[in-house]
Protein backbone atom coordinates (compact mmCIF):
# COMPACT_ATOMS: atom_id res chain seq x y z
CA MET A 1 -28.02 16.39 41.06
CA ARG A 2 -29.73 19.28 39.76
CA GLU A 3 -32.92 17.92 38.06
CA GLY A 4 -33.10 21.35 35.68
CA LYS A 5 -32.84 24.87 35.34
CA ILE A 6 -35.98 26.62 35.89
CA LEU A 7 -36.67 30.27 35.20
CA VAL A 8 -39.59 31.65 37.61
CA VAL A 9 -40.90 35.15 35.98
CA GLU A 10 -43.38 36.54 38.70
CA ASP A 11 -43.50 40.26 39.75
CA GLU A 12 -44.91 39.80 43.08
CA LEU A 13 -41.86 38.86 45.17
CA SER A 14 -43.48 36.86 48.10
CA ILE A 15 -45.02 34.52 45.53
CA ARG A 16 -41.77 34.60 43.13
CA LYS A 17 -40.19 33.41 46.68
CA LEU A 18 -42.23 30.93 47.72
CA ILE A 19 -42.06 29.14 44.50
CA THR A 20 -38.35 29.37 44.23
CA PHE A 21 -37.96 28.01 47.86
CA ASN A 22 -40.06 24.89 46.73
CA LEU A 23 -38.13 24.20 43.75
CA GLN A 24 -34.71 24.48 45.38
CA ARG A 25 -36.11 22.15 47.95
CA SER A 26 -36.98 19.80 45.37
CA ASN A 27 -33.36 20.10 43.76
CA PHE A 28 -34.10 22.28 40.62
CA GLU A 29 -31.79 25.07 40.23
CA VAL A 30 -33.65 28.48 40.18
CA ILE A 31 -33.13 31.88 38.04
CA GLU A 32 -35.73 34.66 39.16
CA ALA A 33 -37.10 37.53 36.72
CA GLY A 34 -39.47 39.94 37.71
CA ASP A 35 -40.52 41.68 34.49
CA GLY A 36 -40.70 40.20 30.91
CA GLU A 37 -37.43 42.11 29.74
CA GLN A 38 -35.55 40.87 32.64
CA ALA A 39 -36.85 37.23 31.59
CA LEU A 40 -35.72 37.69 28.08
CA LEU A 41 -32.29 38.60 29.18
CA PHE A 42 -32.01 35.70 31.59
CA ILE A 43 -33.36 33.26 29.10
CA LYS A 44 -30.56 34.31 26.44
CA ASP A 45 -27.88 34.20 28.96
CA HIS A 46 -28.78 31.14 30.91
CA LYS A 47 -30.97 28.63 28.84
CA PRO A 48 -33.14 27.43 31.32
CA SER A 49 -34.78 23.73 31.31
CA LEU A 50 -38.18 25.13 31.68
CA ILE A 51 -39.89 28.59 32.39
CA LEU A 52 -42.76 29.35 34.84
CA LEU A 53 -44.51 32.51 33.37
CA ASP A 54 -47.03 34.71 35.25
CA LEU A 55 -49.32 36.33 32.79
CA THR A 56 -49.59 39.74 34.80
CA LEU A 57 -46.02 41.60 34.36
CA PRO A 58 -45.40 45.24 34.87
CA ASP A 59 -43.91 45.76 31.32
CA MET A 60 -45.46 43.71 29.30
CA ASP A 61 -48.60 41.12 28.80
CA GLY A 62 -47.47 37.53 29.60
CA LEU A 63 -48.98 36.30 26.62
CA ASP A 64 -47.32 38.63 24.37
CA LEU A 65 -44.11 37.14 26.25
CA CYS A 66 -44.97 33.66 25.86
CA ALA A 67 -45.24 34.21 21.97
CA GLN A 68 -41.63 35.81 21.82
CA ILE A 69 -40.18 32.92 23.93
CA THR A 70 -42.04 30.31 21.81
CA GLU A 71 -40.82 31.95 18.39
CA ASN A 72 -37.38 32.79 19.63
CA TYR A 73 -36.43 29.79 21.69
CA PRO A 74 -38.78 27.26 20.59
CA GLY A 75 -37.00 24.46 22.37
CA ILE A 76 -37.80 25.73 25.91
CA PRO A 77 -41.04 24.35 27.45
CA ILE A 78 -43.62 27.22 29.19
CA ILE A 79 -45.67 27.04 32.09
CA ILE A 80 -48.08 29.65 32.59
CA VAL A 81 -48.73 30.25 36.69
CA SER A 82 -51.76 32.77 36.35
CA ALA A 83 -54.36 34.04 38.35
CA ARG A 84 -56.18 34.75 35.09
CA GLY A 85 -58.18 31.44 35.15
CA GLN A 86 -60.79 31.95 32.30
CA ASP A 87 -61.23 29.16 29.52
CA MET A 88 -60.14 31.67 27.09
CA GLU A 89 -56.81 32.45 28.99
CA LYS A 90 -55.96 28.88 29.19
CA ILE A 91 -56.71 28.55 25.68
CA MET A 92 -54.82 31.54 24.43
CA GLY A 93 -51.82 30.68 26.42
CA LEU A 94 -51.72 26.92 25.47
CA GLU A 95 -52.35 28.14 21.53
CA LEU A 96 -49.67 30.38 22.05
CA GLY A 97 -46.76 27.64 22.75
CA ALA A 98 -47.46 27.08 26.79
CA ASP A 99 -46.76 23.17 27.53
CA ASP A 100 -49.34 23.73 30.65
CA TYR A 101 -51.34 26.13 32.46
CA ILE A 102 -51.36 26.56 36.46
CA VAL A 103 -54.12 28.41 38.10
CA LYS A 104 -53.10 30.61 41.33
CA PRO A 105 -53.51 29.97 44.37
CA PHE A 106 -52.14 26.41 43.59
CA ASN A 107 -50.81 23.46 45.69
CA PRO A 108 -46.90 23.24 45.41
CA LEU A 109 -46.35 19.50 44.83
CA GLU A 110 -48.94 19.62 42.18
CA LEU A 111 -46.73 22.56 40.33
CA ILE A 112 -43.69 20.10 41.28
CA ALA A 113 -45.13 17.21 39.27
CA ARG A 114 -46.54 19.39 36.50
CA ILE A 115 -42.64 20.63 35.74
CA ARG A 116 -41.17 17.24 35.81
CA SER A 117 -43.91 15.75 33.54
CA VAL A 118 -43.44 18.88 31.00
CA LEU A 119 -39.71 18.24 31.11
CA ARG A 120 -40.18 14.40 30.55
CA ARG A 121 -42.27 15.28 27.57
CA SER A 122 -40.20 17.92 26.26
CA LYS A 123 -36.99 15.29 26.43
CA SER A 124 -39.00 12.57 24.67
CA LYS A 125 -40.09 15.29 21.93
CA SER A 126 -36.29 16.51 21.38
CA LYS A 127 -35.17 12.62 21.13
CA ALA A 128 -37.97 11.37 18.70
CA ALA A 129 -37.36 15.09 16.39
CA ASN A 130 -33.88 14.08 15.84
CA PRO A 131 -32.74 10.47 16.81
CA HIS A 132 -29.18 11.04 15.47
CA GLN A 133 -28.46 14.06 17.29
CA VAL A 134 -28.35 14.83 21.13
CA THR A 135 -28.50 18.24 22.64
CA THR A 136 -27.32 19.23 26.02
CA GLY A 137 -26.40 22.73 27.29
CA PRO A 138 -23.65 24.25 24.64
CA PHE A 139 -23.17 20.74 23.33
CA VAL A 140 -24.46 18.99 20.26
CA ILE A 141 -23.44 15.35 19.99
CA GLU A 142 -24.24 13.89 16.33
CA LEU A 143 -24.50 10.33 16.94
CA LYS A 144 -24.32 9.22 13.48
CA THR A 145 -21.08 11.13 12.37
CA GLN A 146 -19.55 10.87 15.86
CA ARG A 147 -18.88 14.83 16.25
CA VAL A 148 -19.12 16.92 18.77
CA TYR A 149 -20.11 20.39 18.97
CA LYS A 150 -19.84 23.11 21.45
CA GLY A 151 -21.43 26.20 20.79
CA GLY A 152 -21.46 25.42 17.07
CA LYS A 153 -17.53 24.76 17.33
CA LEU A 154 -16.41 21.52 16.34
CA ILE A 155 -14.12 19.65 19.27
CA LYS A 156 -11.80 16.98 17.89
CA LEU A 157 -12.35 13.37 20.52
CA THR A 158 -10.94 10.28 19.63
CA ILE A 159 -13.13 7.30 19.42
CA ARG A 160 -13.35 6.51 23.25
CA GLU A 161 -13.82 10.16 24.12
CA PHE A 162 -16.75 10.40 21.86
CA GLN A 163 -18.09 6.97 23.87
CA MET A 164 -17.82 8.58 26.64
CA MET A 165 -19.57 12.08 25.95
CA LYS A 166 -22.32 9.62 24.05
CA LEU A 167 -22.39 7.34 27.59
CA PHE A 168 -22.54 10.51 29.45
CA THR A 169 -25.48 12.55 27.51
CA GLU A 170 -27.46 9.19 27.87
CA LYS A 171 -27.18 9.42 31.91
CA LEU A 172 -27.03 12.91 32.39
CA ASN A 173 -26.81 13.91 35.91
CA GLU A 174 -26.44 10.56 37.11
CA PRO A 175 -23.32 9.36 38.68
CA ILE A 176 -21.57 6.82 36.77
CA THR A 177 -18.78 4.71 38.22
CA ARG A 178 -15.04 3.88 36.89
CA ASP A 179 -16.13 0.35 36.63
CA GLU A 180 -19.45 1.04 34.89
CA LEU A 181 -17.05 3.53 32.30
CA LEU A 182 -14.54 0.25 31.96
CA ASP A 183 -17.27 -1.93 31.27
CA GLU A 184 -19.04 0.08 28.46
CA ILE A 185 -16.06 1.88 26.95
CA TRP A 186 -13.56 -0.59 26.95
CA GLY A 187 -15.66 -3.69 27.52
CA LEU A 188 -15.64 -6.51 30.30
CA ASN A 189 -12.53 -8.06 28.86
CA TYR A 190 -10.47 -5.54 29.65
CA PHE A 191 -7.92 -6.13 32.66
CA GLY A 192 -5.69 -3.03 31.98
CA ASP A 193 -5.01 -0.34 34.56
CA PRO A 194 -8.73 1.47 35.92
CA LYS A 195 -6.89 4.50 36.27
CA THR A 196 -7.06 4.67 32.28
CA VAL A 197 -10.61 6.10 32.75
CA ASP A 198 -8.99 8.84 34.96
CA VAL A 199 -6.39 9.89 32.07
CA HIS A 200 -9.38 9.73 29.60
CA ILE A 201 -11.86 11.89 31.77
CA ARG A 202 -8.68 14.68 32.55
CA ARG A 203 -8.00 14.94 28.09
CA LEU A 204 -11.77 14.81 27.78
CA ARG A 205 -12.14 17.82 30.42
CA GLU A 206 -9.20 19.86 28.79
CA LYS A 207 -11.30 19.48 25.32
CA ILE A 208 -14.89 20.33 26.42
CA GLU A 209 -14.41 22.84 29.55
CA ASP A 210 -13.47 26.31 29.22
CA ASP A 211 -11.63 25.87 32.88
CA PRO A 212 -10.62 22.32 33.12
CA SER A 213 -9.28 22.75 36.85
CA ASN A 214 -13.03 23.88 37.61
CA PRO A 215 -15.33 21.97 35.30
CA LEU A 216 -18.87 23.31 34.85
CA PHE A 217 -20.04 19.95 33.13
CA LEU A 218 -17.70 16.72 33.79
CA LYS A 219 -18.03 16.33 37.57
CA THR A 220 -16.15 14.29 39.79
CA VAL A 221 -18.38 12.62 42.41
CA TRP A 222 -16.14 11.84 45.01
CA GLY A 223 -15.70 8.38 46.25
CA TYR A 224 -17.84 7.20 43.40
CA GLY A 225 -17.19 8.40 40.13
CA TYR A 226 -18.20 11.25 37.60
CA SER A 227 -21.33 12.65 36.51
CA PHE A 228 -22.12 15.34 33.17
CA LEU A 229 -24.36 17.86 34.29
CA GLU A 230 -27.30 18.68 31.96
CA SER A 231 -26.69 22.35 32.52
CA GLU A 232 -24.23 24.73 34.06
CA GLU A 233 -24.06 25.45 37.77
CA MET A 234 -24.89 28.71 39.24
CA GLN A 235 -22.07 30.20 40.45
């Protein structure tokens, strides 16, 4: 399963392709932008998990772009990847909202490690900020009221359907077996037909997916069970 969706904002094609190659090899989904305007468009359309941002762009200064992203998309972490390694540049980038700063040339393994570290901190911060609410992709799961919203629109779920959504969001991107779902949702003493899991999955898909026959989020892991993806897969 993908670890997250990374937007690489870099005008030098060779560097951008190198970063993309290493990210894909490390199981990340990648979107590429060659300038600031394109980056802003992709952020709006794709809602990346994290942004790798070069400071030297053809249409705007990367620090200005960093400030715009922080203001308009405060939940998306930013790692600046730049040849501009002066202390003042680093301080300005971090003060404008960047979560980390890596100087070129860099070790690809270090870059991947930094990305994973920032993503972990970001998820921890999100949970601490609102322990009664989970946000993933277009979904907001309100744990206290047991309500689920997609794109701001309330989805009417049964109690078991909500419990399944809650369990899936606790184990984002992790495959869950049918037996695990039965034990967690129906209880260890349930001795009914295990196919009830498949029926509930189908009904849940009909409510949360735009095209239930081609789901973007609630995926079947053939021969194993099901998995809920943190973000839409690129088509």
